[in-house]
Amino acid sequence: MVEGKGRGTPNKFAHFLSIASGSLTEGDTHVISNELEYITNEELGAVVEIVEEVGRMQTGLRKALSI
C-alpha cells in the first residue's frame, strides 16, 4: 500500500490497495496448515482474528478514501 501511495496518483494507490486485499486472502493457506497439523487450533484462531481485523481496516481505508 505504501508503494502505491508513493506512485502519486489515486488510481495507482487504489490498484495497490486491491493487491493488498488479494494478499490478505492468502491467509486462507493457514487453514490448510492447520489441517496438515503444522499449526495448532489456537494459532489458527489468532491468525484468523488478525486477518479479519486487517481486512476491516483495509475496507475502512478504501471507504474513507472513496476508492
PDB file of N, CA and C in Angstrom:
ATOM      1  N   MET A   1       0.819  -1.172   0.000  1.00  0.00           N
ATOM      2  CA  MET A   1       0.000   0.000   0.000  1.00  0.00           C
ATOM      3  C   MET A   1       0.875   1.253   0.000  1.00  0.00           C
ATOM      4  N   VAL A   2       1.962   1.190   0.738  1.00  0.00           N
ATOM      5  CA  VAL A   2       2.860   2.343   0.798  1.00  0.00           C
ATOM      6  C   VAL A   2       3.451   2.622  -0.577  1.00  0.00           C
ATOM      7  N   GLU A   3       3.818   1.566  -1.279  1.00  0.00           N
ATOM      8  CA  GLU A   3       4.381   1.756  -2.617  1.00  0.00           C
ATOM      9  C   GLU A   3       3.355   2.421  -3.531  1.00  0.00           C
ATOM     10  N   GLY A   4       2.110   1.991  -3.450  1.00  0.00           N
ATOM     11  CA  GLY A   4       1.063   2.582  -4.271  1.00  0.00           C
ATOM     12  C   GLY A   4       0.840   4.046  -3.937  1.00  0.00           C
ATOM     13  N   LYS A   5       0.883   4.377  -2.658  1.00  0.00           N
ATOM     14  CA  LYS A   5       0.731   5.774  -2.245  1.00  0.00           C
ATOM     15  C   LYS A   5       1.868   6.615  -2.808  1.00  0.00           C
ATOM     16  N   GLY A   6       3.059   6.031  -2.837  1.00  0.00           N
ATOM     17  CA  GLY A   6       4.228   6.744  -3.338  1.00  0.00           C
ATOM     18  C   GLY A   6       4.221   6.960  -4.840  1.00  0.00           C
ATOM     19  N   ARG A   7       3.339   6.271  -5.543  1.00  0.00           N
ATOM     20  CA  ARG A   7       3.270   6.431  -7.004  1.00  0.00           C
ATOM     21  C   ARG A   7       2.623   7.746  -7.403  1.00  0.00           C
ATOM     22  N   GLY A   8       1.902   8.366  -6.474  1.00  0.00           N
ATOM     23  CA  GLY A   8       1.437   9.723  -6.702  1.00  0.00           C
ATOM     24  C   GLY A   8       0.062   9.919  -7.312  1.00  0.00           C
ATOM     25  N   THR A   9      -0.613   8.870  -7.777  1.00  0.00           N
ATOM     26  CA  THR A   9      -1.947   9.075  -8.334  1.00  0.00           C
ATOM     27  C   THR A   9      -2.958   8.225  -7.570  1.00  0.00           C
ATOM     28  N   PRO A  10      -4.175   8.723  -7.428  1.00  0.00           N
ATOM     29  CA  PRO A  10      -5.207   7.959  -6.726  1.00  0.00           C
ATOM     30  C   PRO A  10      -5.486   6.601  -7.363  1.00  0.00           C
ATOM     31  N   ASN A  11      -5.450   6.535  -8.689  1.00  0.00           N
ATOM     32  CA  ASN A  11      -5.713   5.260  -9.356  1.00  0.00           C
ATOM     33  C   ASN A  11      -4.649   4.223  -9.044  1.00  0.00           C
ATOM     34  N   LYS A  12      -3.400   4.641  -8.999  1.00  0.00           N
ATOM     35  CA  LYS A  12      -2.326   3.696  -8.680  1.00  0.00           C
ATOM     36  C   LYS A  12      -2.417   3.259  -7.225  1.00  0.00           C
ATOM     37  N   PHE A  13      -2.777   4.187  -6.347  1.00  0.00           N
ATOM     38  CA  PHE A  13      -2.949   3.838  -4.951  1.00  0.00           C
ATOM     39  C   PHE A  13      -4.083   2.830  -4.806  1.00  0.00           C
ATOM     40  N   ALA A  14      -5.185   3.066  -5.501  1.00  0.00           N
ATOM     41  CA  ALA A  14      -6.318   2.139  -5.462  1.00  0.00           C
ATOM     42  C   ALA A  14      -5.907   0.758  -5.955  1.00  0.00           C
ATOM     43  N   HIS A  15      -5.087   0.715  -6.984  1.00  0.00           N
ATOM     44  CA  HIS A  15      -4.610  -0.550  -7.514  1.00  0.00           C
ATOM     45  C   HIS A  15      -3.806  -1.317  -6.455  1.00  0.00           C
ATOM     46  N   PHE A  16      -2.932  -0.620  -5.753  1.00  0.00           N
ATOM     47  CA  PHE A  16      -2.127  -1.280  -4.735  1.00  0.00           C
ATOM     48  C   PHE A  16      -2.963  -1.692  -3.528  1.00  0.00           C
ATOM     49  N   LEU A  17      -4.021  -0.942  -3.223  1.00  0.00           N
ATOM     50  CA  LEU A  17      -4.932  -1.368  -2.166  1.00  0.00           C
ATOM     51  C   LEU A  17      -5.619  -2.670  -2.564  1.00  0.00           C
ATOM     52  N   SER A  18      -5.949  -2.793  -3.822  1.00  0.00           N
ATOM     53  CA  SER A  18      -6.558  -4.013  -4.326  1.00  0.00           C
ATOM     54  C   SER A  18      -5.589  -5.193  -4.204  1.00  0.00           C
ATOM     55  N   ILE A  19      -4.346  -4.966  -4.537  1.00  0.00           N
ATOM     56  CA  ILE A  19      -3.331  -6.014  -4.407  1.00  0.00           C
ATOM     57  C   ILE A  19      -3.195  -6.429  -2.945  1.00  0.00           C
ATOM     58  N   ALA A  20      -3.207  -5.449  -2.043  1.00  0.00           N
ATOM     59  CA  ALA A  20      -3.086  -5.751  -0.616  1.00  0.00           C
ATOM     60  C   ALA A  20      -4.259  -6.598  -0.142  1.00  0.00           C
ATOM     61  N   SER A  21      -5.443  -6.325  -0.650  1.00  0.00           N
ATOM     62  CA  SER A  21      -6.611  -7.124  -0.275  1.00  0.00           C
ATOM     63  C   SER A  21      -6.460  -8.557  -0.772  1.00  0.00           C
ATOM     64  N   GLY A  22      -5.944  -8.697  -1.975  1.00  0.00           N
ATOM     65  CA  GLY A  22      -5.697 -10.039  -2.502  1.00  0.00           C
ATOM     66  C   GLY A  22      -4.676 -10.797  -1.676  1.00  0.00           C
ATOM     67  N   SER A  23      -3.659 -10.091  -1.253  1.00  0.00           N
ATOM     68  CA  SER A  23      -2.628 -10.722  -0.429  1.00  0.00           C
ATOM     69  C   SER A  23      -3.197 -11.173   0.904  1.00  0.00           C
ATOM     70  N   LEU A  24      -4.150 -10.426   1.418  1.00  0.00           N
ATOM     71  CA  LEU A  24      -4.757 -10.782   2.691  1.00  0.00           C
ATOM     72  C   LEU A  24      -5.482 -12.120   2.597  1.00  0.00           C
ATOM     73  N   THR A  25      -6.053 -12.412   1.466  1.00  0.00           N
ATOM     74  CA  THR A  25      -6.775 -13.675   1.322  1.00  0.00           C
ATOM     75  C   THR A  25      -5.834 -14.868   1.340  1.00  0.00           C
ATOM     76  N   GLU A  26      -4.549 -14.616   1.189  1.00  0.00           N
ATOM     77  CA  GLU A  26      -3.588 -15.704   1.293  1.00  0.00           C
ATOM     78  C   GLU A  26      -3.560 -16.284   2.702  1.00  0.00           C
ATOM     79  N   GLY A  27      -4.173 -15.578   3.635  1.00  0.00           N
ATOM     80  CA  GLY A  27      -4.303 -16.110   4.989  1.00  0.00           C
ATOM     81  C   GLY A  27      -5.067 -17.420   5.012  1.00  0.00           C
ATOM     82  N   ASP A  28      -5.836 -17.680   3.962  1.00  0.00           N
ATOM     83  CA  ASP A  28      -6.556 -18.954   3.876  1.00  0.00           C
ATOM     84  C   ASP A  28      -5.609 -20.141   3.887  1.00  0.00           C
ATOM     85  N   THR A  29      -4.378 -19.932   3.475  1.00  0.00           N
ATOM     86  CA  THR A  29      -3.429 -21.045   3.480  1.00  0.00           C
ATOM     87  C   THR A  29      -3.146 -21.517   4.892  1.00  0.00           C
ATOM     88  N   HIS A  30      -3.414 -20.671   5.876  1.00  0.00           N
ATOM     89  CA  HIS A  30      -3.205 -21.088   7.257  1.00  0.00           C
ATOM     90  C   HIS A  30      -4.215 -22.148   7.679  1.00  0.00           C
ATOM     91  N   VAL A  31      -5.385 -22.135   7.054  1.00  0.00           N
ATOM     92  CA  VAL A  31      -6.368 -23.177   7.325  1.00  0.00           C
ATOM     93  C   VAL A  31      -5.801 -24.518   6.880  1.00  0.00           C
ATOM     94  N   ILE A  32      -5.188 -24.529   5.716  1.00  0.00           N
ATOM     95  CA  ILE A  32      -4.565 -25.755   5.220  1.00  0.00           C
ATOM     96  C   ILE A  32      -3.438 -26.185   6.157  1.00  0.00           C
ATOM     97  N   SER A  33      -2.664 -25.213   6.625  1.00  0.00           N
ATOM     98  CA  SER A  33      -1.578 -25.525   7.561  1.00  0.00           C
ATOM     99  C   SER A  33      -2.121 -26.186   8.815  1.00  0.00           C
ATOM    100  N   ASN A  34      -3.277 -25.735   9.256  1.00  0.00           N
ATOM    101  CA  ASN A  34      -3.904 -26.320  10.435  1.00  0.00           C
ATOM    102  C   ASN A  34      -4.371 -27.737  10.133  1.00  0.00           C
ATOM    103  N   GLU A  35      -4.972 -27.928   8.969  1.00  0.00           N
ATOM    104  CA  GLU A  35      -5.450 -29.258   8.603  1.00  0.00           C
ATOM    105  C   GLU A  35      -4.296 -30.254   8.498  1.00  0.00           C
ATOM    106  N   LEU A  36      -3.133 -29.776   8.088  1.00  0.00           N
ATOM    107  CA  LEU A  36      -1.952 -30.635   7.995  1.00  0.00           C
ATOM    108  C   LEU A  36      -1.197 -30.709   9.321  1.00  0.00           C
ATOM    109  N   GLU A  37      -1.751 -30.035  10.327  1.00  0.00           N
ATOM    110  CA  GLU A  37      -1.210 -30.021  11.685  1.00  0.00           C
ATOM    111  C   GLU A  37       0.163 -29.350  11.769  1.00  0.00           C
ATOM    112  N   TYR A  38       0.393 -28.356  10.909  1.00  0.00           N
ATOM    113  CA  TYR A  38       1.607 -27.541  11.003  1.00  0.00           C
ATOM    114  C   TYR A  38       1.451 -26.458  12.064  1.00  0.00           C
ATOM    115  N   ILE A  39       0.197 -26.040  12.277  1.00  0.00           N
ATOM    116  CA  ILE A  39      -0.098 -25.066  13.328  1.00  0.00           C
ATOM    117  C   ILE A  39      -1.261 -25.594  14.162  1.00  0.00           C
ATOM    118  N   THR A  40      -1.364 -25.118  15.380  1.00  0.00           N
ATOM    119  CA  THR A  40      -2.428 -25.563  16.282  1.00  0.00           C
ATOM    120  C   THR A  40      -3.716 -24.790  16.020  1.00  0.00           C
ATOM    121  N   ASN A  41      -4.807 -25.296  16.605  1.00  0.00           N
ATOM    122  CA  ASN A  41      -6.088 -24.593  16.500  1.00  0.00           C
ATOM    123  C   ASN A  41      -5.982 -23.201  17.114  1.00  0.00           C
ATOM    124  N   GLU A  42      -5.233 -23.079  18.196  1.00  0.00           N
ATOM    125  CA  GLU A  42      -5.049 -21.785  18.855  1.00  0.00           C
ATOM    126  C   GLU A  42      -4.316 -20.810  17.936  1.00  0.00           C
ATOM    127  N   GLU A  43      -3.260 -21.287  17.280  1.00  0.00           N
ATOM    128  CA  GLU A  43      -2.514 -20.438  16.345  1.00  0.00           C
ATOM    129  C   GLU A  43      -3.391 -20.031  15.164  1.00  0.00           C
ATOM    130  N   LEU A  44      -4.178 -20.966  14.676  1.00  0.00           N
ATOM    131  CA  LEU A  44      -5.086 -20.662  13.574  1.00  0.00           C
ATOM    132  C   LEU A  44      -6.092 -19.594  13.986  1.00  0.00           C
ATOM    133  N   GLY A  45      -6.630 -19.715  15.185  1.00  0.00           N
ATOM    134  CA  GLY A  45      -7.580 -18.718  15.678  1.00  0.00           C
ATOM    135  C   GLY A  45      -6.969 -17.329  15.724  1.00  0.00           C
ATOM    136  N   ALA A  46      -5.716 -17.255  16.167  1.00  0.00           N
ATOM    137  CA  ALA A  46      -5.028 -15.964  16.230  1.00  0.00           C
ATOM    138  C   ALA A  46      -4.836 -15.388  14.835  1.00  0.00           C
ATOM    139  N   VAL A  47      -4.460 -16.228  13.887  1.00  0.00           N
ATOM    140  CA  VAL A  47      -4.258 -15.768  12.502  1.00  0.00           C
ATOM    141  C   VAL A  47      -5.573 -15.262  11.923  1.00  0.00           C
ATOM    142  N   VAL A  48      -6.647 -16.006  12.137  1.00  0.00           N
ATOM    143  CA  VAL A  48      -7.953 -15.615  11.601  1.00  0.00           C
ATOM    144  C   VAL A  48      -8.373 -14.263  12.181  1.00  0.00           C
ATOM    145  N   GLU A  49      -8.169 -14.063  13.476  1.00  0.00           N
ATOM    146  CA  GLU A  49      -8.517 -12.781  14.095  1.00  0.00           C
ATOM    147  C   GLU A  49      -7.748 -11.624  13.463  1.00  0.00           C
ATOM    148  N   ILE A  50      -6.466 -11.819  13.241  1.00  0.00           N
ATOM    149  CA  ILE A  50      -5.634 -10.763  12.650  1.00  0.00           C
ATOM    150  C   ILE A  50      -6.063 -10.481  11.215  1.00  0.00           C
ATOM    151  N   VAL A  51      -6.290 -11.535  10.446  1.00  0.00           N
ATOM    152  CA  VAL A  51      -6.704 -11.366   9.046  1.00  0.00           C
ATOM    153  C   VAL A  51      -8.027 -10.607   8.980  1.00  0.00           C
ATOM    154  N   GLU A  52      -8.967 -10.950   9.852  1.00  0.00           N
ATOM    155  CA  GLU A  52     -10.252 -10.264   9.852  1.00  0.00           C
ATOM    156  C   GLU A  52     -10.094  -8.791  10.233  1.00  0.00           C
ATOM    157  N   GLU A  53      -9.261  -8.520  11.233  1.00  0.00           N
ATOM    158  CA  GLU A  53      -9.042  -7.137  11.663  1.00  0.00           C
ATOM    159  C   GLU A  53      -8.393  -6.300  10.559  1.00  0.00           C
ATOM    160  N   VAL A  54      -7.377  -6.845   9.927  1.00  0.00           N
ATOM    161  CA  VAL A  54      -6.703  -6.120   8.849  1.00  0.00           C
ATOM    162  C   VAL A  54      -7.666  -5.907   7.682  1.00  0.00           C
ATOM    163  N   GLY A  55      -8.494  -6.893   7.402  1.00  0.00           N
ATOM    164  CA  GLY A  55      -9.492  -6.743   6.347  1.00  0.00           C
ATOM    165  C   GLY A  55     -10.453  -5.600   6.635  1.00  0.00           C
ATOM    166  N   ARG A  56     -10.888  -5.501   7.893  1.00  0.00           N
ATOM    167  CA  ARG A  56     -11.764  -4.391   8.262  1.00  0.00           C
ATOM    168  C   ARG A  56     -11.041  -3.052   8.123  1.00  0.00           C
ATOM    169  N   MET A  57      -9.783  -3.022   8.486  1.00  0.00           N
ATOM    170  CA  MET A  57      -9.014  -1.780   8.368  1.00  0.00           C
ATOM    171  C   MET A  57      -8.852  -1.383   6.905  1.00  0.00           C
ATOM    172  N   GLN A  58      -8.583  -2.359   6.040  1.00  0.00           N
ATOM    173  CA  GLN A  58      -8.452  -2.061   4.616  1.00  0.00           C
ATOM    174  C   GLN A  58      -9.771  -1.548   4.045  1.00  0.00           C
ATOM    175  N   THR A  59     -10.861  -2.170   4.426  1.00  0.00           N
ATOM    176  CA  THR A  59     -12.174  -1.723   3.959  1.00  0.00           C
ATOM    177  C   THR A  59     -12.449  -0.304   4.431  1.00  0.00           C
ATOM    178  N   GLY A  60     -12.138  -0.027   5.682  1.00  0.00           N
ATOM    179  CA  GLY A  60     -12.321   1.314   6.213  1.00  0.00           C
ATOM    180  C   GLY A  60     -11.492   2.345   5.475  1.00  0.00           C
ATOM    181  N   LEU A  61     -10.264   1.989   5.126  1.00  0.00           N
ATOM    182  CA  LEU A  61      -9.404   2.906   4.391  1.00  0.00           C
ATOM    183  C   LEU A  61      -9.966   3.193   3.012  1.00  0.00           C
ATOM    184  N   ARG A  62     -10.402   2.132   2.314  1.00  0.00           N
ATOM    185  CA  ARG A  62     -10.987   2.334   0.981  1.00  0.00           C
ATOM    186  C   ARG A  62     -12.227   3.216   1.053  1.00  0.00           C
ATOM    187  N   LYS A  63     -13.072   2.982   2.058  1.00  0.00           N
ATOM    188  CA  LYS A  63     -14.281   3.801   2.205  1.00  0.00           C
ATOM    189  C   LYS A  63     -13.927   5.253   2.525  1.00  0.00           C
ATOM    190  N   ALA A  64     -12.958   5.431   3.410  1.00  0.00           N
ATOM    191  CA  ALA A  64     -12.557   6.797   3.782  1.00  0.00           C
ATOM    192  C   ALA A  64     -12.003   7.558   2.601  1.00  0.00           C
ATOM    193  N   LEU A  65     -11.347   6.840   1.705  1.00  0.00           N
ATOM    194  CA  LEU A  65     -10.754   7.482   0.525  1.00  0.00           C
ATOM    195  C   LEU A  65     -11.700   7.464  -0.667  1.00  0.00           C
ATOM    196  N   SER A  66     -12.873   6.850  -0.479  1.00  0.00           N
ATOM    197  CA  SER A  66     -13.857   6.707  -1.548  1.00  0.00           C
ATOM    198  C   SER A  66     -13.279   6.004  -2.763  1.00  0.00           C
ATOM    199  N   ILE A  67     -12.573   4.903  -2.489  1.00  0.00           N
ATOM    200  CA  ILE A  67     -11.953   4.130  -3.577  1.00  0.00           C
ATOM    201  C   ILE A  67     -12.768   2.861  -3.784  1.00  0.00           C
TER     202      ILE A  67
END
